[in-house]
Amino acid sequence: MKVGVIGSGVVGQTLAGGFLKHGHEVAIGTRDPSKLEEWKGKHPGAAVKSFAETAAFGDVVVLAVAGQLA
């Protein structure tokens, strides 16, 4: 299954790594690809994409961005 993870913080990176570990194709979406250079080196099977590319990629898309309570 193709999984898109939108969000490149700790939660997004952890989820993306877990999906990779279980054999899924993974794209992680970020507005700053340089932020994920080290992570990508540890997870060569993952793709780093824009938010829109990640959303289009995934059969399943996980939103892992910071939320705020109103």
PDB file of N, CA and C in Angstrom:
ATOM      1  N   MET A   1       0.837  -1.160   0.000  1.00  0.00           N
ATOM      2  CA  MET A   1       0.000   0.000   0.000  1.00  0.00           C
ATOM      3  C   MET A   1       0.896   1.242   0.000  1.00  0.00           C
ATOM      4  N   LYS A   2       0.454   2.283  -0.680  1.00  0.00           N
ATOM      5  CA  LYS A   2       1.160   3.560  -0.686  1.00  0.00           C
ATOM      6  C   LYS A   2       0.602   4.439   0.428  1.00  0.00           C
ATOM      7  N   VAL A   3       1.506   4.900   1.305  1.00  0.00           N
ATOM      8  CA  VAL A   3       1.098   5.725   2.428  1.00  0.00           C
ATOM      9  C   VAL A   3       1.777   7.084   2.316  1.00  0.00           C
ATOM     10  N   GLY A   4       0.975   8.122   2.363  1.00  0.00           N
ATOM     11  CA  GLY A   4       1.499   9.476   2.409  1.00  0.00           C
ATOM     12  C   GLY A   4       1.380  10.001   3.818  1.00  0.00           C
ATOM     13  N   VAL A   5       2.451  10.571   4.341  1.00  0.00           N
ATOM     14  CA  VAL A   5       2.438  11.180   5.663  1.00  0.00           C
ATOM     15  C   VAL A   5       2.702  12.666   5.472  1.00  0.00           C
ATOM     16  N   ILE A   6       1.712  13.477   5.783  1.00  0.00           N
ATOM     17  CA  ILE A   6       1.860  14.918   5.648  1.00  0.00           C
ATOM     18  C   ILE A   6       2.281  15.467   7.002  1.00  0.00           C
ATOM     19  N   GLY A   7       3.509  15.952   7.044  1.00  0.00           N
ATOM     20  CA  GLY A   7       4.091  16.465   8.280  1.00  0.00           C
ATOM     21  C   GLY A   7       5.444  15.823   8.507  1.00  0.00           C
ATOM     22  N   SER A   8       6.457  16.646   8.740  1.00  0.00           N
ATOM     23  CA  SER A   8       7.818  16.120   8.837  1.00  0.00           C
ATOM     24  C   SER A   8       8.432  16.296  10.218  1.00  0.00           C
ATOM     25  N   GLY A   9       7.602  16.520  11.210  1.00  0.00           N
ATOM     26  CA  GLY A   9       8.103  16.598  12.581  1.00  0.00           C
ATOM     27  C   GLY A   9       8.347  15.207  13.142  1.00  0.00           C
ATOM     28  N   VAL A  10       8.557  15.140  14.426  1.00  0.00           N
ATOM     29  CA  VAL A  10       8.864  13.869  15.083  1.00  0.00           C
ATOM     30  C   VAL A  10       7.753  12.844  14.863  1.00  0.00           C
ATOM     31  N   VAL A  11       6.501  13.260  14.996  1.00  0.00           N
ATOM     32  CA  VAL A  11       5.385  12.326  14.826  1.00  0.00           C
ATOM     33  C   VAL A  11       5.323  11.825  13.384  1.00  0.00           C
ATOM     34  N   GLY A  12       5.426  12.721  12.413  1.00  0.00           N
ATOM     35  CA  GLY A  12       5.399  12.320  11.008  1.00  0.00           C
ATOM     36  C   GLY A  12       6.539  11.385  10.655  1.00  0.00           C
ATOM     37  N   GLN A  13       7.728  11.696  11.136  1.00  0.00           N
ATOM     38  CA  GLN A  13       8.890  10.845  10.863  1.00  0.00           C
ATOM     39  C   GLN A  13       8.719   9.465  11.487  1.00  0.00           C
ATOM     40  N   THR A  14       8.204   9.414  12.703  1.00  0.00           N
ATOM     41  CA  THR A  14       7.997   8.134  13.382  1.00  0.00           C
ATOM     42  C   THR A  14       6.954   7.290  12.654  1.00  0.00           C
ATOM     43  N   LEU A  15       5.843   7.913  12.281  1.00  0.00           N
ATOM     44  CA  LEU A  15       4.808   7.178  11.544  1.00  0.00           C
ATOM     45  C   LEU A  15       5.342   6.675  10.201  1.00  0.00           C
ATOM     46  N   ALA A  16       6.024   7.531   9.460  1.00  0.00           N
ATOM     47  CA  ALA A  16       6.558   7.129   8.161  1.00  0.00           C
ATOM     48  C   ALA A  16       7.539   5.964   8.312  1.00  0.00           C
ATOM     49  N   GLY A  17       8.403   6.041   9.304  1.00  0.00           N
ATOM     50  CA  GLY A  17       9.347   4.945   9.556  1.00  0.00           C
ATOM     51  C   GLY A  17       8.641   3.645   9.900  1.00  0.00           C
ATOM     52  N   GLY A  18       7.569   3.735  10.674  1.00  0.00           N
ATOM     53  CA  GLY A  18       6.800   2.542  11.026  1.00  0.00           C
ATOM     54  C   GLY A  18       6.132   1.905   9.818  1.00  0.00           C
ATOM     55  N   PHE A  19       5.556   2.733   8.957  1.00  0.00           N
ATOM     56  CA  PHE A  19       4.935   2.197   7.743  1.00  0.00           C
ATOM     57  C   PHE A  19       5.986   1.541   6.844  1.00  0.00           C
ATOM     58  N   LEU A  20       7.160   2.153   6.736  1.00  0.00           N
ATOM     59  CA  LEU A  20       8.243   1.539   5.951  1.00  0.00           C
ATOM     60  C   LEU A  20       8.635   0.189   6.539  1.00  0.00           C
ATOM     61  N   LYS A  21       8.762   0.140   7.837  1.00  0.00           N
ATOM     62  CA  LYS A  21       9.156  -1.089   8.540  1.00  0.00           C
ATOM     63  C   LYS A  21       8.198  -2.234   8.232  1.00  0.00           C
ATOM     64  N   HIS A  22       6.941  -1.897   8.003  1.00  0.00           N
ATOM     65  CA  HIS A  22       5.929  -2.912   7.726  1.00  0.00           C
ATOM     66  C   HIS A  22       5.702  -3.128   6.234  1.00  0.00           C
ATOM     67  N   GLY A  23       6.632  -2.627   5.406  1.00  0.00           N
ATOM     68  CA  GLY A  23       6.646  -2.967   3.991  1.00  0.00           C
ATOM     69  C   GLY A  23       5.832  -2.079   3.065  1.00  0.00           C
ATOM     70  N   HIS A  24       5.391  -0.939   3.543  1.00  0.00           N
ATOM     71  CA  HIS A  24       4.594  -0.053   2.693  1.00  0.00           C
ATOM     72  C   HIS A  24       5.495   0.921   1.937  1.00  0.00           C
ATOM     73  N   GLU A  25       5.023   1.390   0.782  1.00  0.00           N
ATOM     74  CA  GLU A  25       5.682   2.486   0.074  1.00  0.00           C
ATOM     75  C   GLU A  25       5.282   3.759   0.793  1.00  0.00           C
ATOM     76  N   VAL A  26       6.260   4.627   1.072  1.00  0.00           N
ATOM     77  CA  VAL A  26       5.978   5.813   1.870  1.00  0.00           C
ATOM     78  C   VAL A  26       6.517   7.068   1.210  1.00  0.00           C
ATOM     79  N   ALA A  27       5.690   8.113   1.241  1.00  0.00           N
ATOM     80  CA  ALA A  27       6.134   9.464   0.911  1.00  0.00           C
ATOM     81  C   ALA A  27       5.820  10.336   2.112  1.00  0.00           C
ATOM     82  N   ILE A  28       6.762  11.181   2.476  1.00  0.00           N
ATOM     83  CA  ILE A  28       6.554  12.108   3.583  1.00  0.00           C
ATOM     84  C   ILE A  28       6.564  13.520   3.013  1.00  0.00           C
ATOM     85  N   GLY A  29       5.532  14.271   3.357  1.00  0.00           N
ATOM     86  CA  GLY A  29       5.373  15.614   2.822  1.00  0.00           C
ATOM     87  C   GLY A  29       5.896  16.670   3.767  1.00  0.00           C
ATOM     88  N   THR A  30       6.611  17.629   3.205  1.00  0.00           N
ATOM     89  CA  THR A  30       7.201  18.699   3.997  1.00  0.00           C
ATOM     90  C   THR A  30       7.284  19.968   3.174  1.00  0.00           C
ATOM     91  N   ARG A  31       7.330  21.100   3.845  1.00  0.00           N
ATOM     92  CA  ARG A  31       7.570  22.357   3.126  1.00  0.00           C
ATOM     93  C   ARG A  31       9.063  22.647   3.062  1.00  0.00           C
ATOM     94  N   ASP A  32       9.874  21.891   3.830  1.00  0.00           N
ATOM     95  CA  ASP A  32      11.326  22.102   3.889  1.00  0.00           C
ATOM     96  C   ASP A  32      12.056  20.768   3.745  1.00  0.00           C
ATOM     97  N   PRO A  33      12.303  20.318   2.496  1.00  0.00           N
ATOM     98  CA  PRO A  33      12.955  19.015   2.277  1.00  0.00           C
ATOM     99  C   PRO A  33      14.318  18.874   2.961  1.00  0.00           C
ATOM    100  N   SER A  34      15.036  19.971   3.134  1.00  0.00           N
ATOM    101  CA  SER A  34      16.356  19.873   3.775  1.00  0.00           C
ATOM    102  C   SER A  34      16.241  19.397   5.228  1.00  0.00           C
ATOM    103  N   LYS A  35      15.082  19.619   5.844  1.00  0.00           N
ATOM    104  CA  LYS A  35      14.845  19.174   7.217  1.00  0.00           C
ATOM    105  C   LYS A  35      14.923  17.652   7.341  1.00  0.00           C
ATOM    106  N   LEU A  36      14.659  16.951   6.234  1.00  0.00           N
ATOM    107  CA  LEU A  36      14.584  15.489   6.269  1.00  0.00           C
ATOM    108  C   LEU A  36      15.803  14.789   5.672  1.00  0.00           C
ATOM    109  N   GLU A  37      16.868  15.510   5.396  1.00  0.00           N
ATOM    110  CA  GLU A  37      18.048  14.891   4.780  1.00  0.00           C
ATOM    111  C   GLU A  37      18.609  13.757   5.631  1.00  0.00           C
ATOM    112  N   GLU A  38      18.785  13.988   6.918  1.00  0.00           N
ATOM    113  CA  GLU A  38      19.325  12.947   7.801  1.00  0.00           C
ATOM    114  C   GLU A  38      18.347  11.773   7.904  1.00  0.00           C
ATOM    115  N   TRP A  39      17.054  12.073   8.065  1.00  0.00           N
ATOM    116  CA  TRP A  39      16.037  11.030   8.172  1.00  0.00           C
ATOM    117  C   TRP A  39      16.008  10.199   6.898  1.00  0.00           C
ATOM    118  N   LYS A  40      16.082  10.854   5.751  1.00  0.00           N
ATOM    119  CA  LYS A  40      16.059  10.156   4.451  1.00  0.00           C
ATOM    120  C   LYS A  40      17.267   9.224   4.329  1.00  0.00           C
ATOM    121  N   GLY A  41      18.411   9.628   4.856  1.00  0.00           N
ATOM    122  CA  GLY A  41      19.596   8.782   4.833  1.00  0.00           C
ATOM    123  C   GLY A  41      19.396   7.491   5.607  1.00  0.00           C
ATOM    124  N   LYS A  42      18.581   7.544   6.645  1.00  0.00           N
ATOM    125  CA  LYS A  42      18.288   6.361   7.466  1.00  0.00           C
ATOM    126  C   LYS A  42      17.123   5.553   6.905  1.00  0.00           C
ATOM    127  N   HIS A  43      16.361   6.137   5.988  1.00  0.00           N
ATOM    128  CA  HIS A  43      15.173   5.494   5.412  1.00  0.00           C
ATOM    129  C   HIS A  43      15.196   5.648   3.892  1.00  0.00           C
ATOM    130  N   PRO A  44      16.154   4.997   3.228  1.00  0.00           N
ATOM    131  CA  PRO A  44      16.320   5.207   1.784  1.00  0.00           C
ATOM    132  C   PRO A  44      15.121   4.782   0.941  1.00  0.00           C
ATOM    133  N   GLY A  45      14.218   3.993   1.474  1.00  0.00           N
ATOM    134  CA  GLY A  45      13.055   3.567   0.710  1.00  0.00           C
ATOM    135  C   GLY A  45      11.952   4.603   0.653  1.00  0.00           C
ATOM    136  N   ALA A  46      12.075   5.666   1.422  1.00  0.00           N
ATOM    137  CA  ALA A  46      11.025   6.686   1.481  1.00  0.00           C
ATOM    138  C   ALA A  46      11.279   7.784   0.468  1.00  0.00           C
ATOM    139  N   ALA A  47      10.204   8.432   0.072  1.00  0.00           N
ATOM    140  CA  ALA A  47      10.306   9.601  -0.808  1.00  0.00           C
ATOM    141  C   ALA A  47       9.958  10.838   0.007  1.00  0.00           C
ATOM    142  N   VAL A  48      10.662  11.917  -0.263  1.00  0.00           N
ATOM    143  CA  VAL A  48      10.359  13.203   0.358  1.00  0.00           C
ATOM    144  C   VAL A  48       9.736  14.071  -0.724  1.00  0.00           C
ATOM    145  N   LYS A  49       8.514  14.551  -0.455  1.00  0.00           N
ATOM    146  CA  LYS A  49       7.759  15.286  -1.461  1.00  0.00           C
ATOM    147  C   LYS A  49       7.108  16.516  -0.837  1.00  0.00           C
ATOM    148  N   SER A  50       6.474  17.318  -1.696  1.00  0.00           N
ATOM    149  CA  SER A  50       5.673  18.436  -1.199  1.00  0.00           C
ATOM    150  C   SER A  50       4.389  17.880  -0.596  1.00  0.00           C
ATOM    151  N   PHE A  51       3.641  18.739   0.088  1.00  0.00           N
ATOM    152  CA  PHE A  51       2.374  18.304   0.664  1.00  0.00           C
ATOM    153  C   PHE A  51       1.425  17.808  -0.426  1.00  0.00           C
ATOM    154  N   ALA A  52       1.311  18.556  -1.515  1.00  0.00           N
ATOM    155  CA  ALA A  52       0.388  18.176  -2.599  1.00  0.00           C
ATOM    156  C   ALA A  52       0.808  16.865  -3.253  1.00  0.00           C
ATOM    157  N   GLU A  53       2.106  16.698  -3.501  1.00  0.00           N
ATOM    158  CA  GLU A  53       2.596  15.454  -4.106  1.00  0.00           C
ATOM    159  C   GLU A  53       2.347  14.261  -3.187  1.00  0.00           C
ATOM    160  N   THR A  54       2.526  14.460  -1.893  1.00  0.00           N
ATOM    161  CA  THR A  54       2.307  13.387  -0.920  1.00  0.00           C
ATOM    162  C   THR A  54       0.840  12.997  -0.865  1.00  0.00           C
ATOM    163  N   ALA A  55      -0.046  13.991  -0.875  1.00  0.00           N
ATOM    164  CA  ALA A  55      -1.484  13.709  -0.852  1.00  0.00           C
ATOM    165  C   ALA A  55      -1.906  12.932  -2.099  1.00  0.00           C
ATOM    166  N   ALA A  56      -1.357  13.274  -3.253  1.00  0.00           N
ATOM    167  CA  ALA A  56      -1.691  12.577  -4.490  1.00  0.00           C
ATOM    168  C   ALA A  56      -1.095  11.172  -4.530  1.00  0.00           C
ATOM    169  N   PHE A  57       0.027  10.961  -3.873  1.00  0.00           N
ATOM    170  CA  PHE A  57       0.739   9.688  -3.872  1.00  0.00           C
ATOM    171  C   PHE A  57       0.000   8.594  -3.103  1.00  0.00           C
ATOM    172  N   GLY A  58      -0.538   8.946  -1.951  1.00  0.00           N
ATOM    173  CA  GLY A  58      -1.009   7.939  -1.009  1.00  0.00           C
ATOM    174  C   GLY A  58      -2.344   7.307  -1.320  1.00  0.00           C
ATOM    175  N   ASP A  59      -2.407   5.979  -1.145  1.00  0.00           N
ATOM    176  CA  ASP A  59      -3.704   5.291  -1.086  1.00  0.00           C
ATOM    177  C   ASP A  59      -4.358   5.656   0.241  1.00  0.00           C
ATOM    178  N   VAL A  60      -3.509   5.840   1.249  1.00  0.00           N
ATOM    179  CA  VAL A  60      -3.903   6.302   2.579  1.00  0.00           C
ATOM    180  C   VAL A  60      -3.019   7.492   2.885  1.00  0.00           C
ATOM    181  N   VAL A  61      -3.615   8.552   3.435  1.00  0.00           N
ATOM    182  CA  VAL A  61      -2.839   9.742   3.788  1.00  0.00           C
ATOM    183  C   VAL A  61      -3.068  10.058   5.263  1.00  0.00           C
ATOM    184  N   VAL A  62      -1.972  10.232   5.977  1.00  0.00           N
ATOM    185  CA  VAL A  62      -2.015  10.550   7.399  1.00  0.00           C
ATOM    186  C   VAL A  62      -1.618  12.014   7.573  1.00  0.00           C
ATOM    187  N   LEU A  63      -2.435  12.768   8.303  1.00  0.00           N
ATOM    188  CA  LEU A  63      -2.130  14.154   8.601  1.00  0.00           C
ATOM    189  C   LEU A  63      -1.456  14.202   9.972  1.00  0.00           C
ATOM    190  N   ALA A  64      -0.173  14.574   9.983  1.00  0.00           N
ATOM    191  CA  ALA A  64       0.604  14.585  11.216  1.00  0.00           C
ATOM    192  C   ALA A  64       1.245  15.954  11.385  1.00  0.00           C
ATOM    193  N   VAL A  65       0.397  16.960  11.529  1.00  0.00           N
ATOM    194  CA  VAL A  65       0.881  18.320  11.712  1.00  0.00           C
ATOM    195  C   VAL A  65       0.414  18.834  13.070  1.00  0.00           C
ATOM    196  N   ALA A  66       1.077  19.862  13.544  1.00  0.00           N
ATOM    197  CA  ALA A  66       0.727  20.441  14.843  1.00  0.00           C
ATOM    198  C   ALA A  66      -0.659  21.070  14.764  1.00  0.00           C
ATOM    199  N   GLY A  67      -1.436  20.807  15.750  1.00  0.00           N
ATOM    200  CA  GLY A  67      -2.759  21.423  15.843  1.00  0.00           C
ATOM    201  C   GLY A  67      -2.794  22.384  17.015  1.00  0.00           C
ATOM    202  N   GLN A  68      -3.762  23.251  17.001  1.00  0.00           N
ATOM    203  CA  GLN A  68      -3.903  24.184  18.103  1.00  0.00           C
ATOM    204  C   GLN A  68      -5.331  24.134  18.614  1.00  0.00           C
ATOM    205  N   LEU A  69      -5.456  24.206  19.905  1.00  0.00           N
ATOM    206  CA  LEU A  69      -6.786  24.269  20.519  1.00  0.00           C
ATOM    207  C   LEU A  69      -7.247  25.720  20.492  1.00  0.00           C
ATOM    208  N   ALA A  70      -8.490  25.922  20.183  1.00  0.00           N
ATOM    209  CA  ALA A  70      -9.019  27.301  20.114  1.00  0.00           C
ATOM    210  C   ALA A  70      -9.493  27.759  21.464  1.00  0.00           C
TER     211      ALA A  70
END
